[in-house]
Amino acid sequence: MAKGAFSPKSKFLGMVEMLNSIEAEFYFKQNREMHTLSNADADIRFKNIKNDIDLSTASMICCELVNKTQNIGETNEEIYFDLIETFKIIDSGIVFLSTLKFINKIISHLGYALVNNADINLPFTYFDFQKGNLNNVSGVRLSESEAKVFQAIFDDENITKDIEKNDFIKIYNSLIRFLKIHLDRNITLNSIELLN
């Protein structure tokens, strides 16, 4: 609990906003769900994320995905650093492709792998939800732009260009469907509704 954190005279003003990365000290009392914040310093502030609805939404999608796929109380330093790096890319304006790449990283952290077995030069590309692979034989047929987005997800080079929102939503739905099938749990991320 950060009592009075949003009052104009608070030393925590601006620190405890959503999507800030902070180092915090708090008073811990056993058998309580809420603890009192005593000190906080900002590590990283993502100023562009807070000023743009698409950037904010993409960041919230990443946070929700971590929340829905990790066990309560579980800490994972690697996922945390992947999340912070994704926020940095989103904050730079490459919103949708960086979010899809983060979803792919979560899939990998969960022990699954999406595999690219497709030749983009062949006329048809498919995504197989059961096997998690891109191929030229079976699965859900992808449009040319969707196939290119999948190729970009697999590309390890630095992201220099973003993708269209419509392509993002289609591939996002495919990746979430893949997770639902393999985790056998309902993963519904409410943040995606802000993009519609």
N, C-alpha and C. Protein backbone atom coordinates (compact mmCIF):
# COMPACT_ATOMS: atom_id res chain seq x y z
N MET A 1 0.85 -1.16 0.00
CA MET A 1 0.00 0.00 0.00
C MET A 1 0.90 1.22 0.00
N ALA A 2 0.64 2.16 -0.87
CA ALA A 2 1.40 3.41 -0.91
C ALA A 2 0.44 4.53 -0.52
N LYS A 3 0.31 4.74 0.79
CA LYS A 3 -0.64 5.73 1.30
C LYS A 3 -0.29 7.12 0.77
N GLY A 4 -1.28 7.78 0.18
CA GLY A 4 -1.10 9.15 -0.29
C GLY A 4 -0.13 9.30 -1.45
N ALA A 5 0.16 8.21 -2.17
CA ALA A 5 1.16 8.25 -3.24
C ALA A 5 0.79 9.19 -4.37
N PHE A 6 -0.49 9.46 -4.54
CA PHE A 6 -0.91 10.31 -5.65
C PHE A 6 -1.21 11.75 -5.22
N SER A 7 -0.93 12.09 -3.96
CA SER A 7 -1.11 13.49 -3.55
C SER A 7 0.08 14.30 -4.09
N PRO A 8 -0.13 15.59 -4.38
CA PRO A 8 0.92 16.41 -4.99
C PRO A 8 2.21 16.50 -4.18
N LYS A 9 2.15 16.32 -2.87
CA LYS A 9 3.34 16.44 -2.03
C LYS A 9 4.01 15.10 -1.74
N SER A 10 3.48 14.02 -2.27
CA SER A 10 4.00 12.70 -1.96
C SER A 10 5.37 12.47 -2.60
N LYS A 11 6.26 11.81 -1.85
CA LYS A 11 7.56 11.45 -2.39
C LYS A 11 7.44 10.29 -3.40
N PHE A 12 6.27 9.65 -3.43
CA PHE A 12 6.04 8.55 -4.37
C PHE A 12 5.31 8.98 -5.62
N LEU A 13 4.99 10.27 -5.73
CA LEU A 13 4.24 10.76 -6.89
C LEU A 13 5.00 10.41 -8.18
N GLY A 14 4.35 9.72 -9.07
CA GLY A 14 4.97 9.33 -10.33
C GLY A 14 5.76 8.04 -10.26
N MET A 15 6.04 7.55 -9.06
CA MET A 15 6.82 6.32 -8.92
C MET A 15 5.96 5.07 -9.08
N VAL A 16 4.78 5.09 -8.48
CA VAL A 16 3.97 3.88 -8.44
C VAL A 16 2.93 3.83 -9.56
N GLU A 17 3.22 4.53 -10.64
CA GLU A 17 2.34 4.46 -11.80
C GLU A 17 2.52 3.11 -12.51
N MET A 18 1.49 2.73 -13.24
CA MET A 18 1.58 1.48 -14.01
C MET A 18 2.75 1.53 -14.97
N LEU A 19 3.36 0.38 -15.14
CA LEU A 19 4.42 0.14 -16.12
C LEU A 19 5.73 0.87 -15.82
N ASN A 20 5.92 1.38 -14.60
CA ASN A 20 7.24 1.85 -14.18
C ASN A 20 7.99 0.66 -13.61
N SER A 21 9.26 0.62 -13.84
CA SER A 21 10.11 -0.37 -13.19
C SER A 21 10.76 0.34 -12.01
N ILE A 22 10.45 -0.13 -10.78
CA ILE A 22 10.95 0.55 -9.59
C ILE A 22 11.63 -0.44 -8.65
N GLU A 23 12.53 0.09 -7.82
CA GLU A 23 13.05 -0.66 -6.69
C GLU A 23 12.31 -0.14 -5.47
N ALA A 24 11.72 -1.04 -4.71
CA ALA A 24 10.87 -0.61 -3.60
C ALA A 24 11.29 -1.27 -2.29
N GLU A 25 11.12 -0.53 -1.22
CA GLU A 25 11.27 -1.05 0.13
C GLU A 25 9.91 -0.94 0.78
N PHE A 26 9.54 -1.98 1.50
CA PHE A 26 8.25 -1.93 2.17
C PHE A 26 8.32 -2.65 3.50
N TYR A 27 7.37 -2.30 4.37
CA TYR A 27 7.26 -2.95 5.67
C TYR A 27 6.42 -4.21 5.49
N PHE A 28 7.03 -5.35 5.81
CA PHE A 28 6.36 -6.63 5.64
C PHE A 28 5.79 -7.09 6.98
N LYS A 29 4.51 -7.42 6.96
CA LYS A 29 3.88 -7.99 8.15
C LYS A 29 3.29 -9.33 7.76
N GLN A 30 3.72 -10.34 8.47
CA GLN A 30 3.27 -11.70 8.17
C GLN A 30 1.76 -11.81 8.35
N ASN A 31 1.14 -12.67 7.57
CA ASN A 31 -0.30 -12.92 7.58
C ASN A 31 -1.12 -11.74 7.08
N ARG A 32 -0.50 -10.83 6.34
CA ARG A 32 -1.24 -9.72 5.74
C ARG A 32 -1.04 -9.76 4.24
N GLU A 33 -2.09 -9.38 3.53
CA GLU A 33 -1.99 -9.33 2.07
C GLU A 33 -1.42 -8.00 1.60
N MET A 34 -1.61 -6.95 2.37
CA MET A 34 -1.12 -5.63 1.99
C MET A 34 0.01 -5.21 2.91
N HIS A 35 1.03 -4.59 2.33
CA HIS A 35 2.18 -4.13 3.08
C HIS A 35 2.39 -2.65 2.78
N THR A 36 3.10 -1.95 3.65
CA THR A 36 3.25 -0.50 3.51
C THR A 36 4.56 -0.17 2.81
N LEU A 37 4.47 0.62 1.76
CA LEU A 37 5.63 1.07 1.00
C LEU A 37 6.37 2.13 1.80
N SER A 38 7.69 1.96 1.96
CA SER A 38 8.47 2.94 2.71
C SER A 38 9.40 3.76 1.82
N ASN A 39 9.84 3.18 0.71
CA ASN A 39 10.75 3.90 -0.17
C ASN A 39 10.65 3.32 -1.58
N ALA A 40 10.84 4.15 -2.60
CA ALA A 40 10.82 3.67 -3.99
C ALA A 40 11.70 4.57 -4.85
N ASP A 41 12.44 3.95 -5.73
CA ASP A 41 13.26 4.66 -6.72
C ASP A 41 12.95 4.09 -8.09
N ALA A 42 12.78 4.97 -9.06
CA ALA A 42 12.47 4.51 -10.42
C ALA A 42 13.73 4.01 -11.10
N ASP A 43 13.67 2.77 -11.62
CA ASP A 43 14.75 2.24 -12.45
C ASP A 43 14.56 2.75 -13.88
N ILE A 44 13.37 2.51 -14.39
CA ILE A 44 13.07 2.88 -15.78
C ILE A 44 11.65 3.42 -15.84
N ARG A 45 11.49 4.54 -16.53
CA ARG A 45 10.16 5.09 -16.79
C ARG A 45 9.94 5.05 -18.30
N PHE A 46 8.82 4.52 -18.68
CA PHE A 46 8.49 4.40 -20.10
C PHE A 46 7.51 5.51 -20.46
N LYS A 47 8.03 6.68 -20.77
CA LYS A 47 7.19 7.87 -20.95
C LYS A 47 6.27 7.77 -22.17
N ASN A 48 6.73 7.17 -23.27
CA ASN A 48 5.90 7.07 -24.47
C ASN A 48 4.75 6.09 -24.29
N ILE A 49 5.00 5.03 -23.54
CA ILE A 49 3.97 4.02 -23.29
C ILE A 49 2.76 4.65 -22.61
N LYS A 50 3.02 5.57 -21.70
CA LYS A 50 1.93 6.19 -20.93
C LYS A 50 1.12 7.18 -21.74
N ASN A 51 1.65 7.62 -22.87
CA ASN A 51 0.99 8.66 -23.65
C ASN A 51 0.30 8.16 -24.92
N ASP A 52 0.33 6.86 -25.16
CA ASP A 52 -0.25 6.32 -26.40
C ASP A 52 -1.04 5.06 -26.07
N ILE A 53 -2.28 5.01 -26.52
CA ILE A 53 -3.17 3.89 -26.18
C ILE A 53 -2.66 2.56 -26.75
N ASP A 54 -2.13 2.55 -27.98
CA ASP A 54 -1.63 1.30 -28.56
C ASP A 54 -0.40 0.80 -27.80
N LEU A 55 0.50 1.71 -27.43
CA LEU A 55 1.68 1.32 -26.67
C LEU A 55 1.29 0.80 -25.29
N SER A 56 0.37 1.50 -24.63
CA SER A 56 -0.10 1.07 -23.31
C SER A 56 -0.77 -0.30 -23.39
N THR A 57 -1.61 -0.47 -24.40
CA THR A 57 -2.33 -1.74 -24.56
C THR A 57 -1.37 -2.89 -24.80
N ALA A 58 -0.41 -2.70 -25.69
CA ALA A 58 0.57 -3.76 -25.97
C ALA A 58 1.34 -4.13 -24.70
N SER A 59 1.71 -3.15 -23.92
CA SER A 59 2.43 -3.40 -22.67
C SER A 59 1.56 -4.16 -21.68
N MET A 60 0.29 -3.79 -21.61
CA MET A 60 -0.63 -4.48 -20.69
C MET A 60 -0.88 -5.92 -21.14
N ILE A 61 -0.91 -6.14 -22.46
CA ILE A 61 -1.05 -7.51 -22.98
C ILE A 61 0.12 -8.36 -22.47
N CYS A 62 1.34 -7.83 -22.55
CA CYS A 62 2.51 -8.56 -22.08
C CYS A 62 2.41 -8.86 -20.59
N CYS A 63 2.01 -7.87 -19.80
CA CYS A 63 1.87 -8.07 -18.35
C CYS A 63 0.79 -9.10 -18.03
N GLU A 64 -0.34 -9.00 -18.70
CA GLU A 64 -1.43 -9.95 -18.48
C GLU A 64 -1.01 -11.37 -18.83
N LEU A 65 -0.26 -11.50 -19.93
CA LEU A 65 0.20 -12.82 -20.35
C LEU A 65 1.12 -13.45 -19.30
N VAL A 66 2.02 -12.66 -18.76
CA VAL A 66 2.89 -13.17 -17.69
C VAL A 66 2.04 -13.59 -16.50
N ASN A 67 1.08 -12.74 -16.13
CA ASN A 67 0.21 -13.04 -14.99
C ASN A 67 -0.59 -14.32 -15.20
N LYS A 68 -1.06 -14.56 -16.42
CA LYS A 68 -1.91 -15.73 -16.69
C LYS A 68 -1.13 -17.02 -16.89
N THR A 69 0.18 -16.92 -17.19
CA THR A 69 0.94 -18.14 -17.50
C THR A 69 1.91 -18.54 -16.40
N GLN A 70 2.15 -17.67 -15.43
CA GLN A 70 3.07 -18.00 -14.35
C GLN A 70 2.28 -18.34 -13.09
N ASN A 71 2.85 -19.18 -12.25
CA ASN A 71 2.20 -19.55 -11.00
C ASN A 71 2.27 -18.39 -10.02
N ILE A 72 1.28 -18.28 -9.16
CA ILE A 72 1.23 -17.22 -8.16
C ILE A 72 2.47 -17.31 -7.26
N GLY A 73 3.14 -16.19 -7.09
CA GLY A 73 4.33 -16.14 -6.25
C GLY A 73 5.61 -16.58 -6.93
N GLU A 74 5.48 -17.10 -8.14
CA GLU A 74 6.66 -17.55 -8.88
C GLU A 74 7.45 -16.35 -9.39
N THR A 75 8.75 -16.39 -9.24
CA THR A 75 9.59 -15.34 -9.80
C THR A 75 10.44 -15.94 -10.91
N ASN A 76 10.61 -15.18 -11.96
CA ASN A 76 11.41 -15.64 -13.09
C ASN A 76 12.17 -14.43 -13.63
N GLU A 77 13.44 -14.36 -13.27
CA GLU A 77 14.27 -13.22 -13.64
C GLU A 77 14.39 -13.07 -15.16
N GLU A 78 14.48 -14.19 -15.86
CA GLU A 78 14.63 -14.15 -17.31
C GLU A 78 13.38 -13.52 -17.97
N ILE A 79 12.21 -13.92 -17.51
CA ILE A 79 10.97 -13.34 -18.05
C ILE A 79 10.90 -11.86 -17.71
N TYR A 80 11.31 -11.49 -16.50
CA TYR A 80 11.31 -10.08 -16.11
C TYR A 80 12.18 -9.26 -17.06
N PHE A 81 13.40 -9.72 -17.32
CA PHE A 81 14.29 -8.97 -18.20
C PHE A 81 13.77 -8.96 -19.65
N ASP A 82 13.16 -10.06 -20.10
CA ASP A 82 12.52 -10.06 -21.43
C ASP A 82 11.40 -9.04 -21.49
N LEU A 83 10.62 -8.94 -20.41
CA LEU A 83 9.52 -7.99 -20.34
C LEU A 83 10.03 -6.55 -20.40
N ILE A 84 11.06 -6.25 -19.64
CA ILE A 84 11.62 -4.90 -19.63
C ILE A 84 12.19 -4.55 -21.01
N GLU A 85 12.89 -5.49 -21.64
CA GLU A 85 13.43 -5.24 -23.00
C GLU A 85 12.30 -5.01 -23.99
N THR A 86 11.21 -5.77 -23.85
CA THR A 86 10.05 -5.58 -24.72
C THR A 86 9.44 -4.21 -24.50
N PHE A 87 9.31 -3.79 -23.25
CA PHE A 87 8.80 -2.43 -22.96
C PHE A 87 9.67 -1.36 -23.62
N LYS A 88 10.98 -1.55 -23.59
CA LYS A 88 11.88 -0.57 -24.22
C LYS A 88 11.60 -0.47 -25.72
N ILE A 89 11.39 -1.61 -26.36
CA ILE A 89 11.13 -1.62 -27.81
C ILE A 89 9.75 -1.01 -28.09
N ILE A 90 8.76 -1.38 -27.27
CA ILE A 90 7.43 -0.79 -27.43
C ILE A 90 7.50 0.72 -27.23
N ASP A 91 8.23 1.16 -26.23
CA ASP A 91 8.37 2.59 -25.94
C ASP A 91 9.03 3.34 -27.11
N SER A 92 9.85 2.63 -27.89
CA SER A 92 10.50 3.25 -29.05
C SER A 92 9.56 3.35 -30.25
N GLY A 93 8.38 2.72 -30.14
CA GLY A 93 7.38 2.85 -31.21
C GLY A 93 7.15 1.60 -32.03
N ILE A 94 7.90 0.54 -31.78
CA ILE A 94 7.68 -0.72 -32.50
C ILE A 94 6.82 -1.60 -31.59
N VAL A 95 5.52 -1.43 -31.75
CA VAL A 95 4.55 -1.91 -30.78
C VAL A 95 4.15 -3.36 -30.99
N PHE A 96 3.64 -3.66 -32.16
CA PHE A 96 2.95 -4.92 -32.37
C PHE A 96 3.89 -6.10 -32.59
N LEU A 97 4.92 -5.93 -33.39
CA LEU A 97 5.85 -7.03 -33.62
C LEU A 97 6.60 -7.39 -32.34
N SER A 98 7.00 -6.40 -31.56
CA SER A 98 7.71 -6.69 -30.31
C SER A 98 6.81 -7.45 -29.33
N THR A 99 5.51 -7.15 -29.34
CA THR A 99 4.57 -7.87 -28.47
C THR A 99 4.45 -9.33 -28.89
N LEU A 100 4.35 -9.58 -30.20
CA LEU A 100 4.29 -10.96 -30.69
C LEU A 100 5.57 -11.72 -30.38
N LYS A 101 6.70 -11.06 -30.51
CA LYS A 101 7.97 -11.71 -30.17
C LYS A 101 8.01 -12.06 -28.69
N PHE A 102 7.45 -11.19 -27.84
CA PHE A 102 7.40 -11.49 -26.41
C PHE A 102 6.51 -12.69 -26.15
N ILE A 103 5.37 -12.77 -26.81
CA ILE A 103 4.48 -13.93 -26.65
C ILE A 103 5.23 -15.20 -27.03
N ASN A 104 6.01 -15.15 -28.11
CA ASN A 104 6.81 -16.30 -28.52
C ASN A 104 7.83 -16.67 -27.44
N LYS A 105 8.43 -15.66 -26.79
CA LYS A 105 9.37 -15.94 -25.69
C LYS A 105 8.67 -16.62 -24.52
N ILE A 106 7.46 -16.18 -24.21
CA ILE A 106 6.69 -16.82 -23.13
C ILE A 106 6.41 -18.28 -23.50
N ILE A 107 6.04 -18.52 -24.74
CA ILE A 107 5.81 -19.89 -25.20
C ILE A 107 7.07 -20.73 -24.97
N SER A 108 8.23 -20.18 -25.29
CA SER A 108 9.50 -20.89 -25.07
C SER A 108 9.76 -21.12 -23.58
N HIS A 109 9.50 -20.10 -22.75
CA HIS A 109 9.71 -20.25 -21.30
C HIS A 109 8.82 -21.35 -20.73
N LEU A 110 7.68 -21.57 -21.35
CA LEU A 110 6.75 -22.60 -20.87
C LEU A 110 7.12 -23.99 -21.36
N GLY A 111 8.20 -24.08 -22.16
CA GLY A 111 8.68 -25.39 -22.61
C GLY A 111 8.17 -25.81 -23.97
N TYR A 112 7.54 -24.92 -24.69
CA TYR A 112 7.05 -25.22 -26.03
C TYR A 112 7.89 -24.45 -27.04
N ALA A 113 7.78 -24.84 -28.29
CA ALA A 113 8.54 -24.12 -29.31
C ALA A 113 7.71 -24.02 -30.57
N LEU A 114 7.66 -22.82 -31.10
CA LEU A 114 7.10 -22.65 -32.43
C LEU A 114 8.24 -22.88 -33.41
N VAL A 115 7.96 -23.63 -34.46
CA VAL A 115 9.00 -24.01 -35.41
C VAL A 115 8.62 -23.51 -36.80
N ASN A 116 9.59 -23.01 -37.52
CA ASN A 116 9.36 -22.53 -38.88
C ASN A 116 9.88 -23.56 -39.87
N ASN A 117 8.97 -24.34 -40.44
CA ASN A 117 9.31 -25.32 -41.47
C ASN A 117 8.81 -24.88 -42.83
N ALA A 118 8.39 -23.65 -42.95
CA ALA A 118 7.76 -23.18 -44.19
C ALA A 118 8.77 -22.52 -45.12
N ASP A 119 8.51 -22.69 -46.40
CA ASP A 119 9.24 -21.96 -47.44
C ASP A 119 8.32 -20.83 -47.87
N ILE A 120 8.70 -19.62 -47.52
CA ILE A 120 7.86 -18.44 -47.79
C ILE A 120 7.64 -18.21 -49.28
N ASN A 121 8.49 -18.80 -50.11
CA ASN A 121 8.37 -18.62 -51.57
C ASN A 121 7.32 -19.53 -52.20
N LEU A 122 6.87 -20.54 -51.46
CA LEU A 122 5.81 -21.42 -51.98
C LEU A 122 4.47 -20.69 -51.85
N PRO A 123 3.49 -21.09 -52.67
CA PRO A 123 2.24 -20.32 -52.72
C PRO A 123 1.42 -20.29 -51.43
N PHE A 124 1.45 -21.36 -50.63
CA PHE A 124 0.62 -21.40 -49.43
C PHE A 124 1.46 -21.69 -48.19
N THR A 125 1.12 -20.98 -47.11
CA THR A 125 1.76 -21.21 -45.82
C THR A 125 0.66 -21.47 -44.80
N TYR A 126 0.90 -22.44 -43.90
CA TYR A 126 -0.09 -22.84 -42.91
C TYR A 126 0.53 -22.79 -41.51
N PHE A 127 -0.35 -22.61 -40.51
CA PHE A 127 0.08 -22.73 -39.12
C PHE A 127 -0.67 -23.90 -38.50
N ASP A 128 0.08 -24.88 -37.99
CA ASP A 128 -0.49 -26.08 -37.36
C ASP A 128 -0.51 -25.84 -35.84
N PHE A 129 -1.71 -25.71 -35.28
CA PHE A 129 -1.86 -25.41 -33.86
C PHE A 129 -1.39 -26.56 -32.96
N GLN A 130 -1.57 -27.78 -33.41
CA GLN A 130 -1.18 -28.92 -32.59
C GLN A 130 0.34 -29.04 -32.49
N LYS A 131 1.01 -28.89 -33.61
CA LYS A 131 2.47 -29.04 -33.63
C LYS A 131 3.20 -27.73 -33.40
N GLY A 132 2.50 -26.61 -33.54
CA GLY A 132 3.13 -25.32 -33.35
C GLY A 132 4.14 -24.99 -34.43
N ASN A 133 3.81 -25.41 -35.66
CA ASN A 133 4.77 -25.09 -36.71
C ASN A 133 4.14 -24.40 -37.91
N LEU A 134 4.98 -23.65 -38.55
CA LEU A 134 4.66 -23.01 -39.82
C LEU A 134 5.13 -23.97 -40.90
N ASN A 135 4.24 -24.28 -41.86
CA ASN A 135 4.62 -25.25 -42.89
C ASN A 135 3.89 -24.93 -44.18
N ASN A 136 4.12 -25.72 -45.19
CA ASN A 136 3.48 -25.53 -46.49
C ASN A 136 2.49 -26.64 -46.82
N VAL A 137 2.08 -27.42 -45.79
CA VAL A 137 1.26 -28.59 -46.06
C VAL A 137 -0.11 -28.55 -45.38
N SER A 138 -0.15 -28.35 -44.05
CA SER A 138 -1.42 -28.47 -43.34
C SER A 138 -1.54 -27.50 -42.18
N GLY A 139 -2.78 -27.28 -41.77
CA GLY A 139 -3.08 -26.37 -40.67
C GLY A 139 -4.01 -25.28 -41.17
N VAL A 140 -3.98 -24.15 -40.49
CA VAL A 140 -4.79 -23.00 -40.88
C VAL A 140 -3.99 -22.20 -41.91
N ARG A 141 -4.62 -21.98 -43.05
CA ARG A 141 -3.93 -21.25 -44.12
C ARG A 141 -3.76 -19.77 -43.75
N LEU A 142 -2.57 -19.27 -43.96
CA LEU A 142 -2.25 -17.88 -43.65
C LEU A 142 -2.23 -17.05 -44.92
N SER A 143 -2.62 -15.79 -44.78
CA SER A 143 -2.47 -14.87 -45.91
C SER A 143 -0.98 -14.57 -46.08
N GLU A 144 -0.65 -13.93 -47.16
CA GLU A 144 0.76 -13.61 -47.41
C GLU A 144 1.32 -12.69 -46.31
N SER A 145 0.53 -11.69 -45.91
CA SER A 145 1.01 -10.77 -44.87
C SER A 145 1.13 -11.49 -43.52
N GLU A 146 0.21 -12.39 -43.20
CA GLU A 146 0.30 -13.15 -41.94
C GLU A 146 1.53 -14.04 -41.94
N ALA A 147 1.83 -14.67 -43.06
CA ALA A 147 3.03 -15.52 -43.17
C ALA A 147 4.29 -14.69 -42.95
N LYS A 148 4.30 -13.47 -43.48
CA LYS A 148 5.46 -12.60 -43.30
C LYS A 148 5.61 -12.18 -41.84
N VAL A 149 4.50 -11.97 -41.15
CA VAL A 149 4.56 -11.63 -39.72
C VAL A 149 5.15 -12.80 -38.94
N PHE A 150 4.70 -14.03 -39.22
CA PHE A 150 5.26 -15.20 -38.55
C PHE A 150 6.76 -15.29 -38.82
N GLN A 151 7.17 -15.05 -40.06
CA GLN A 151 8.59 -15.07 -40.39
C GLN A 151 9.35 -14.05 -39.55
N ALA A 152 8.76 -12.86 -39.37
CA ALA A 152 9.40 -11.81 -38.58
C ALA A 152 9.51 -12.20 -37.11
N ILE A 153 8.54 -12.95 -36.60
CA ILE A 153 8.60 -13.42 -35.21
C ILE A 153 9.82 -14.33 -35.02
N PHE A 154 10.09 -15.17 -36.02
CA PHE A 154 11.21 -16.11 -35.94
C PHE A 154 12.56 -15.44 -36.19
N ASP A 155 12.55 -14.27 -36.81
CA ASP A 155 13.78 -13.56 -37.17
C ASP A 155 14.45 -13.02 -35.91
N ASP A 156 15.72 -13.33 -35.75
CA ASP A 156 16.46 -12.90 -34.55
C ASP A 156 17.10 -11.52 -34.69
N GLU A 157 16.99 -10.91 -35.84
CA GLU A 157 17.60 -9.60 -36.03
C GLU A 157 16.83 -8.54 -35.25
N ASN A 158 17.48 -7.40 -35.02
CA ASN A 158 16.81 -6.30 -34.33
C ASN A 158 15.61 -5.84 -35.14
N ILE A 159 14.55 -5.49 -34.44
CA ILE A 159 13.33 -5.03 -35.09
C ILE A 159 13.52 -3.58 -35.53
N THR A 160 13.26 -3.33 -36.80
CA THR A 160 13.39 -1.95 -37.30
C THR A 160 12.08 -1.41 -37.84
N LYS A 161 11.14 -2.31 -38.10
CA LYS A 161 9.86 -1.89 -38.69
C LYS A 161 8.73 -2.66 -38.03
N ASP A 162 7.64 -1.95 -37.75
CA ASP A 162 6.50 -2.60 -37.10
C ASP A 162 5.56 -3.20 -38.15
N ILE A 163 4.55 -3.89 -37.67
CA ILE A 163 3.55 -4.52 -38.53
C ILE A 163 2.22 -3.79 -38.36
N GLU A 164 1.27 -4.10 -39.21
CA GLU A 164 -0.06 -3.50 -39.14
C GLU A 164 -0.85 -4.09 -37.97
N LYS A 165 -1.73 -3.28 -37.39
CA LYS A 165 -2.55 -3.70 -36.25
C LYS A 165 -3.43 -4.91 -36.61
N ASN A 166 -4.01 -4.91 -37.81
CA ASN A 166 -4.88 -6.04 -38.20
C ASN A 166 -4.10 -7.35 -38.25
N ASP A 167 -2.88 -7.31 -38.80
CA ASP A 167 -2.05 -8.52 -38.83
C ASP A 167 -1.68 -8.94 -37.41
N PHE A 168 -1.39 -7.96 -36.57
CA PHE A 168 -1.07 -8.26 -35.17
C PHE A 168 -2.21 -9.03 -34.51
N ILE A 169 -3.43 -8.53 -34.65
CA ILE A 169 -4.57 -9.15 -33.98
C ILE A 169 -4.78 -10.59 -34.47
N LYS A 170 -4.62 -10.83 -35.77
CA LYS A 170 -4.79 -12.20 -36.30
C LYS A 170 -3.73 -13.14 -35.74
N ILE A 171 -2.47 -12.73 -35.76
CA ILE A 171 -1.40 -13.61 -35.27
C ILE A 171 -1.47 -13.75 -33.75
N TYR A 172 -1.81 -12.67 -33.06
CA TYR A 172 -2.02 -12.72 -31.61
C TYR A 172 -3.05 -13.81 -31.27
N ASN A 173 -4.19 -13.80 -31.98
CA ASN A 173 -5.23 -14.79 -31.73
C ASN A 173 -4.72 -16.21 -31.98
N SER A 174 -3.89 -16.38 -32.99
CA SER A 174 -3.32 -17.71 -33.28
C SER A 174 -2.39 -18.16 -32.15
N LEU A 175 -1.55 -17.26 -31.67
CA LEU A 175 -0.61 -17.63 -30.61
C LEU A 175 -1.33 -17.92 -29.30
N ILE A 176 -2.36 -17.14 -28.98
CA ILE A 176 -3.13 -17.39 -27.76
C ILE A 176 -3.89 -18.71 -27.88
N ARG A 177 -4.42 -18.99 -29.06
CA ARG A 177 -5.10 -20.28 -29.27
C ARG A 177 -4.12 -21.44 -29.07
N PHE A 178 -2.91 -21.29 -29.59
CA PHE A 178 -1.87 -22.31 -29.40
C PHE A 178 -1.63 -22.54 -27.91
N LEU A 179 -1.50 -21.44 -27.14
CA LEU A 179 -1.28 -21.57 -25.69
C LEU A 179 -2.46 -22.25 -25.00
N LYS A 180 -3.68 -21.89 -25.38
CA LYS A 180 -4.86 -22.50 -24.76
C LYS A 180 -4.87 -24.01 -24.99
N ILE A 181 -4.54 -24.42 -26.21
CA ILE A 181 -4.54 -25.85 -26.54
C ILE A 181 -3.49 -26.59 -25.72
N HIS A 182 -2.29 -26.04 -25.63
CA HIS A 182 -1.20 -26.77 -24.99
C HIS A 182 -1.15 -26.62 -23.48
N LEU A 183 -1.63 -25.53 -22.95
CA LEU A 183 -1.66 -25.38 -21.49
C LEU A 183 -2.95 -25.91 -20.90
N ASP A 184 -3.91 -26.19 -21.76
CA ASP A 184 -5.21 -26.68 -21.33
C ASP A 184 -5.82 -25.78 -20.26
N ARG A 185 -5.72 -24.47 -20.50
CA ARG A 185 -6.38 -23.51 -19.61
C ARG A 185 -6.86 -22.34 -20.45
N ASN A 186 -7.87 -21.70 -19.95
CA ASN A 186 -8.45 -20.57 -20.66
C ASN A 186 -7.59 -19.33 -20.43
N ILE A 187 -6.97 -18.87 -21.49
CA ILE A 187 -6.14 -17.66 -21.39
C ILE A 187 -6.87 -16.56 -22.16
N THR A 188 -7.53 -15.72 -21.41
CA THR A 188 -8.22 -14.59 -22.02
C THR A 188 -7.57 -13.32 -21.51
N LEU A 189 -7.03 -12.53 -22.41
CA LEU A 189 -6.39 -11.27 -22.04
C LEU A 189 -7.33 -10.13 -22.37
N ASN A 190 -7.78 -9.44 -21.33
CA ASN A 190 -8.76 -8.37 -21.51
C ASN A 190 -8.20 -7.15 -22.23
N SER A 191 -6.91 -6.92 -22.13
CA SER A 191 -6.29 -5.73 -22.74
C SER A 191 -6.49 -5.68 -24.24
N ILE A 192 -6.57 -6.82 -24.90
CA ILE A 192 -6.69 -6.84 -26.36
C ILE A 192 -7.93 -6.10 -26.82
N GLU A 193 -8.95 -6.03 -25.98
CA GLU A 193 -10.19 -5.36 -26.35
C GLU A 193 -9.98 -3.86 -26.61
N LEU A 194 -8.95 -3.29 -26.03
CA LEU A 194 -8.67 -1.87 -26.24
C LEU A 194 -8.20 -1.58 -27.66
N LEU A 195 -7.73 -2.59 -28.38
CA LEU A 195 -7.26 -2.39 -29.75
C LEU A 195 -8.38 -2.49 -30.76
N ASN A 196 -9.51 -3.06 -30.36
CA ASN A 196 -10.63 -3.24 -31.30
C ASN A 196 -11.42 -1.97 -31.49
